[in-house]
Amino acid sequence: MTDQQLALEAVSEAQRILEEYLEPRPHNNELLLDRLVEVLARPELIVAVDRLQHGN
């Protein structure tokens, strides 16, 4: 998977989590935040984004 694909997949997953948060029903905000952090703090994503930012 390319860095771009990895980043797009993570953004899409994060958007789905945020959409769930915005639904007009009760949710477990702590669980949603944990899921969001889990998606965005993946080591392979952090490395991919760093490479994209620095043109590698």
PDB file of N, CA and C in Angstrom:
ATOM      1  N   MET A   1       0.858  -1.178   0.000  1.00  0.00           N
ATOM      2  CA  MET A   1       0.000   0.000   0.000  1.00  0.00           C
ATOM      3  C   MET A   1       0.899   1.234   0.000  1.00  0.00           C
ATOM      4  N   THR A   2       0.567   2.193  -0.845  1.00  0.00           N
ATOM      5  CA  THR A   2       1.373   3.411  -0.916  1.00  0.00           C
ATOM      6  C   THR A   2       1.065   4.320   0.281  1.00  0.00           C
ATOM      7  N   ASP A   3       1.936   5.283   0.486  1.00  0.00           N
ATOM      8  CA  ASP A   3       1.718   6.258   1.561  1.00  0.00           C
ATOM      9  C   ASP A   3       0.406   7.006   1.346  1.00  0.00           C
ATOM     10  N   GLN A   4       0.138   7.366   0.106  1.00  0.00           N
ATOM     11  CA  GLN A   4      -1.101   8.083  -0.203  1.00  0.00           C
ATOM     12  C   GLN A   4      -2.325   7.229   0.115  1.00  0.00           C
ATOM     13  N   GLN A   5      -2.278   5.960  -0.262  1.00  0.00           N
ATOM     14  CA  GLN A   5      -3.398   5.065   0.018  1.00  0.00           C
ATOM     15  C   GLN A   5      -3.599   4.890   1.513  1.00  0.00           C
ATOM     16  N   LEU A   6      -2.512   4.746   2.236  1.00  0.00           N
ATOM     17  CA  LEU A   6      -2.586   4.592   3.686  1.00  0.00           C
ATOM     18  C   LEU A   6      -3.202   5.826   4.328  1.00  0.00           C
ATOM     19  N   ALA A   7      -2.776   6.998   3.887  1.00  0.00           N
ATOM     20  CA  ALA A   7      -3.310   8.246   4.435  1.00  0.00           C
ATOM     21  C   ALA A   7      -4.790   8.403   4.098  1.00  0.00           C
ATOM     22  N   LEU A   8      -5.168   8.097   2.855  1.00  0.00           N
ATOM     23  CA  LEU A   8      -6.573   8.207   2.460  1.00  0.00           C
ATOM     24  C   LEU A   8      -7.452   7.233   3.234  1.00  0.00           C
ATOM     25  N   GLU A   9      -6.961   6.039   3.444  1.00  0.00           N
ATOM     26  CA  GLU A   9      -7.716   5.051   4.209  1.00  0.00           C
ATOM     27  C   GLU A   9      -7.934   5.535   5.646  1.00  0.00           C
ATOM     28  N   ALA A  10      -6.898   6.094   6.253  1.00  0.00           N
ATOM     29  CA  ALA A  10      -7.007   6.588   7.627  1.00  0.00           C
ATOM     30  C   ALA A  10      -7.966   7.775   7.719  1.00  0.00           C
ATOM     31  N   VAL A  11      -7.895   8.679   6.756  1.00  0.00           N
ATOM     32  CA  VAL A  11      -8.801   9.834   6.755  1.00  0.00           C
ATOM     33  C   VAL A  11     -10.239   9.362   6.583  1.00  0.00           C
ATOM     34  N   SER A  12     -10.461   8.416   5.700  1.00  0.00           N
ATOM     35  CA  SER A  12     -11.815   7.883   5.500  1.00  0.00           C
ATOM     36  C   SER A  12     -12.348   7.231   6.759  1.00  0.00           C
ATOM     37  N   GLU A  13     -11.502   6.463   7.418  1.00  0.00           N
ATOM     38  CA  GLU A  13     -11.921   5.815   8.655  1.00  0.00           C
ATOM     39  C   GLU A  13     -12.203   6.848   9.748  1.00  0.00           C
ATOM     40  N   ALA A  14     -11.362   7.866   9.842  1.00  0.00           N
ATOM     41  CA  ALA A  14     -11.576   8.930  10.824  1.00  0.00           C
ATOM     42  C   ALA A  14     -12.876   9.679  10.533  1.00  0.00           C
ATOM     43  N   GLN A  15     -13.168   9.909   9.263  1.00  0.00           N
ATOM     44  CA  GLN A  15     -14.420  10.576   8.895  1.00  0.00           C
ATOM     45  C   GLN A  15     -15.633   9.744   9.305  1.00  0.00           C
ATOM     46  N   ARG A  16     -15.550   8.431   9.138  1.00  0.00           N
ATOM     47  CA  ARG A  16     -16.658   7.566   9.551  1.00  0.00           C
ATOM     48  C   ARG A  16     -16.888   7.658  11.060  1.00  0.00           C
ATOM     49  N   ILE A  17     -15.803   7.709  11.805  1.00  0.00           N
ATOM     50  CA  ILE A  17     -15.922   7.830  13.267  1.00  0.00           C
ATOM     51  C   ILE A  17     -16.558   9.167  13.624  1.00  0.00           C
ATOM     52  N   LEU A  18     -16.145  10.245  12.968  1.00  0.00           N
ATOM     53  CA  LEU A  18     -16.717  11.564  13.239  1.00  0.00           C
ATOM     54  C   LEU A  18     -18.190  11.631  12.834  1.00  0.00           C
ATOM     55  N   GLU A  19     -18.535  10.980  11.739  1.00  0.00           N
ATOM     56  CA  GLU A  19     -19.937  10.930  11.328  1.00  0.00           C
ATOM     57  C   GLU A  19     -20.776  10.221  12.393  1.00  0.00           C
ATOM     58  N   GLU A  20     -20.224   9.158  12.948  1.00  0.00           N
ATOM     59  CA  GLU A  20     -20.922   8.446  14.021  1.00  0.00           C
ATOM     60  C   GLU A  20     -21.120   9.366  15.230  1.00  0.00           C
ATOM     61  N   TYR A  21     -20.082  10.153  15.547  1.00  0.00           N
ATOM     62  CA  TYR A  21     -20.174  11.091  16.661  1.00  0.00           C
ATOM     63  C   TYR A  21     -21.277  12.125  16.429  1.00  0.00           C
ATOM     64  N   LEU A  22     -21.434  12.550  15.182  1.00  0.00           N
ATOM     65  CA  LEU A  22     -22.397  13.603  14.856  1.00  0.00           C
ATOM     66  C   LEU A  22     -23.836  13.095  14.737  1.00  0.00           C
ATOM     67  N   GLU A  23     -24.024  11.792  14.756  1.00  0.00           N
ATOM     68  CA  GLU A  23     -25.381  11.252  14.693  1.00  0.00           C
ATOM     69  C   GLU A  23     -26.167  11.701  15.930  1.00  0.00           C
ATOM     70  N   PRO A  24     -27.435  12.052  15.734  1.00  0.00           N
ATOM     71  CA  PRO A  24     -28.232  12.556  16.866  1.00  0.00           C
ATOM     72  C   PRO A  24     -28.756  11.423  17.757  1.00  0.00           C
ATOM     73  N   ARG A  25     -27.824  10.795  18.424  1.00  0.00           N
ATOM     74  CA  ARG A  25     -28.189   9.742  19.371  1.00  0.00           C
ATOM     75  C   ARG A  25     -27.101   9.678  20.436  1.00  0.00           C
ATOM     76  N   PRO A  26     -27.376   9.068  21.545  1.00  0.00           N
ATOM     77  CA  PRO A  26     -26.343   8.959  22.587  1.00  0.00           C
ATOM     78  C   PRO A  26     -25.182   8.075  22.127  1.00  0.00           C
ATOM     79  N   HIS A  27     -23.989   8.451  22.497  1.00  0.00           N
ATOM     80  CA  HIS A  27     -22.820   7.627  22.197  1.00  0.00           C
ATOM     81  C   HIS A  27     -21.866   7.657  23.377  1.00  0.00           C
ATOM     82  N   ASN A  28     -20.927   6.753  23.271  1.00  0.00           N
ATOM     83  CA  ASN A  28     -19.845   6.711  24.242  1.00  0.00           C
ATOM     84  C   ASN A  28     -18.704   7.542  23.649  1.00  0.00           C
ATOM     85  N   ASN A  29     -18.645   8.810  24.037  1.00  0.00           N
ATOM     86  CA  ASN A  29     -17.653   9.717  23.453  1.00  0.00           C
ATOM     87  C   ASN A  29     -16.228   9.267  23.722  1.00  0.00           C
ATOM     88  N   GLU A  30     -15.996   8.681  24.877  1.00  0.00           N
ATOM     89  CA  GLU A  30     -14.649   8.217  25.201  1.00  0.00           C
ATOM     90  C   GLU A  30     -14.238   7.098  24.244  1.00  0.00           C
ATOM     91  N   LEU A  31     -15.151   6.195  23.958  1.00  0.00           N
ATOM     92  CA  LEU A  31     -14.866   5.100  23.025  1.00  0.00           C
ATOM     93  C   LEU A  31     -14.611   5.646  21.618  1.00  0.00           C
ATOM     94  N   LEU A  32     -15.417   6.610  21.187  1.00  0.00           N
ATOM     95  CA  LEU A  32     -15.214   7.202  19.866  1.00  0.00           C
ATOM     96  C   LEU A  32     -13.862   7.900  19.772  1.00  0.00           C
ATOM     97  N   LEU A  33     -13.487   8.609  20.817  1.00  0.00           N
ATOM     98  CA  LEU A  33     -12.190   9.278  20.830  1.00  0.00           C
ATOM     99  C   LEU A  33     -11.060   8.255  20.815  1.00  0.00           C
ATOM    100  N   ASP A  34     -11.201   7.180  21.570  1.00  0.00           N
ATOM    101  CA  ASP A  34     -10.197   6.117  21.562  1.00  0.00           C
ATOM    102  C   ASP A  34     -10.036   5.529  20.163  1.00  0.00           C
ATOM    103  N   ARG A  35     -11.158   5.312  19.478  1.00  0.00           N
ATOM    104  CA  ARG A  35     -11.114   4.771  18.123  1.00  0.00           C
ATOM    105  C   ARG A  35     -10.422   5.745  17.175  1.00  0.00           C
ATOM    106  N   LEU A  36     -10.714   7.019  17.322  1.00  0.00           N
ATOM    107  CA  LEU A  36     -10.102   8.040  16.475  1.00  0.00           C
ATOM    108  C   LEU A  36      -8.591   8.095  16.701  1.00  0.00           C
ATOM    109  N   VAL A  37      -8.184   8.068  17.944  1.00  0.00           N
ATOM    110  CA  VAL A  37      -6.746   8.072  18.260  1.00  0.00           C
ATOM    111  C   VAL A  37      -6.091   6.805  17.711  1.00  0.00           C
ATOM    112  N   GLU A  38      -6.767   5.681  17.843  1.00  0.00           N
ATOM    113  CA  GLU A  38      -6.226   4.424  17.335  1.00  0.00           C
ATOM    114  C   GLU A  38      -5.953   4.507  15.834  1.00  0.00           C
ATOM    115  N   VAL A  39      -6.866   5.124  15.108  1.00  0.00           N
ATOM    116  CA  VAL A  39      -6.702   5.264  13.655  1.00  0.00           C
ATOM    117  C   VAL A  39      -5.566   6.225  13.326  1.00  0.00           C
ATOM    118  N   LEU A  40      -5.547   7.382  13.963  1.00  0.00           N
ATOM    119  CA  LEU A  40      -4.605   8.430  13.584  1.00  0.00           C
ATOM    120  C   LEU A  40      -3.211   8.276  14.188  1.00  0.00           C
ATOM    121  N   ALA A  41      -3.072   7.438  15.196  1.00  0.00           N
ATOM    122  CA  ALA A  41      -1.772   7.264  15.849  1.00  0.00           C
ATOM    123  C   ALA A  41      -1.066   5.978  15.416  1.00  0.00           C
ATOM    124  N   ARG A  42      -1.560   5.348  14.365  1.00  0.00           N
ATOM    125  CA  ARG A  42      -0.898   4.133  13.869  1.00  0.00           C
ATOM    126  C   ARG A  42       0.517   4.485  13.415  1.00  0.00           C
ATOM    127  N   PRO A  43       1.499   3.720  13.905  1.00  0.00           N
ATOM    128  CA  PRO A  43       2.891   4.036  13.539  1.00  0.00           C
ATOM    129  C   PRO A  43       3.125   4.094  12.033  1.00  0.00           C
ATOM    130  N   GLU A  44       2.519   3.171  11.276  1.00  0.00           N
ATOM    131  CA  GLU A  44       2.740   3.179   9.831  1.00  0.00           C
ATOM    132  C   GLU A  44       2.131   4.420   9.186  1.00  0.00           C
ATOM    133  N   LEU A  45       1.047   4.935   9.742  1.00  0.00           N
ATOM    134  CA  LEU A  45       0.440   6.161   9.225  1.00  0.00           C
ATOM    135  C   LEU A  45       1.322   7.362   9.539  1.00  0.00           C
ATOM    136  N   ILE A  46       1.842   7.415  10.734  1.00  0.00           N
ATOM    137  CA  ILE A  46       2.711   8.529  11.125  1.00  0.00           C
ATOM    138  C   ILE A  46       3.931   8.591  10.207  1.00  0.00           C
ATOM    139  N   VAL A  47       4.519   7.440   9.923  1.00  0.00           N
ATOM    140  CA  VAL A  47       5.681   7.386   9.034  1.00  0.00           C
ATOM    141  C   VAL A  47       5.287   7.795   7.616  1.00  0.00           C
ATOM    142  N   ALA A  48       4.149   7.299   7.140  1.00  0.00           N
ATOM    143  CA  ALA A  48       3.697   7.625   5.786  1.00  0.00           C
ATOM    144  C   ALA A  48       3.433   9.118   5.636  1.00  0.00           C
ATOM    145  N   VAL A  49       2.769   9.713   6.607  1.00  0.00           N
ATOM    146  CA  VAL A  49       2.479  11.153   6.549  1.00  0.00           C
ATOM    147  C   VAL A  49       3.773  11.955   6.593  1.00  0.00           C
ATOM    148  N   ASP A  50       4.722  11.525   7.405  1.00  0.00           N
ATOM    149  CA  ASP A  50       6.016  12.210   7.470  1.00  0.00           C
ATOM    150  C   ASP A  50       6.708  12.164   6.117  1.00  0.00           C
ATOM    151  N   ARG A  51       6.680  11.005   5.482  1.00  0.00           N
ATOM    152  CA  ARG A  51       7.311  10.895   4.155  1.00  0.00           C
ATOM    153  C   ARG A  51       6.594  11.788   3.137  1.00  0.00           C
ATOM    154  N   LEU A  52       5.261  11.817   3.186  1.00  0.00           N
ATOM    155  CA  LEU A  52       4.507  12.666   2.271  1.00  0.00           C
ATOM    156  C   LEU A  52       4.817  14.145   2.492  1.00  0.00           C
ATOM    157  N   GLN A  53       4.935  14.541   3.749  1.00  0.00           N
ATOM    158  CA  GLN A  53       5.223  15.947   4.051  1.00  0.00           C
ATOM    159  C   GLN A  53       6.605  16.371   3.604  1.00  0.00           C
ATOM    160  N   HIS A  54       7.533  15.429   3.637  1.00  0.00           N
ATOM    161  CA  HIS A  54       8.918  15.765   3.300  1.00  0.00           C
ATOM    162  C   HIS A  54       9.301  15.349   1.887  1.00  0.00           C
ATOM    163  N   GLY A  55       8.330  14.892   1.111  1.00  0.00           N
ATOM    164  CA  GLY A  55       8.572  14.578  -0.280  1.00  0.00           C
ATOM    165  C   GLY A  55       9.419  13.363  -0.528  1.00  0.00           C
ATOM    166  N   ASN A  56       9.428  12.438   0.405  1.00  0.00           N
ATOM    167  CA  ASN A  56      10.225  11.210   0.229  1.00  0.00           C
ATOM    168  C   ASN A  56       9.419  10.129  -0.447  1.00  0.00           C
TER     169      ASN A  56
END
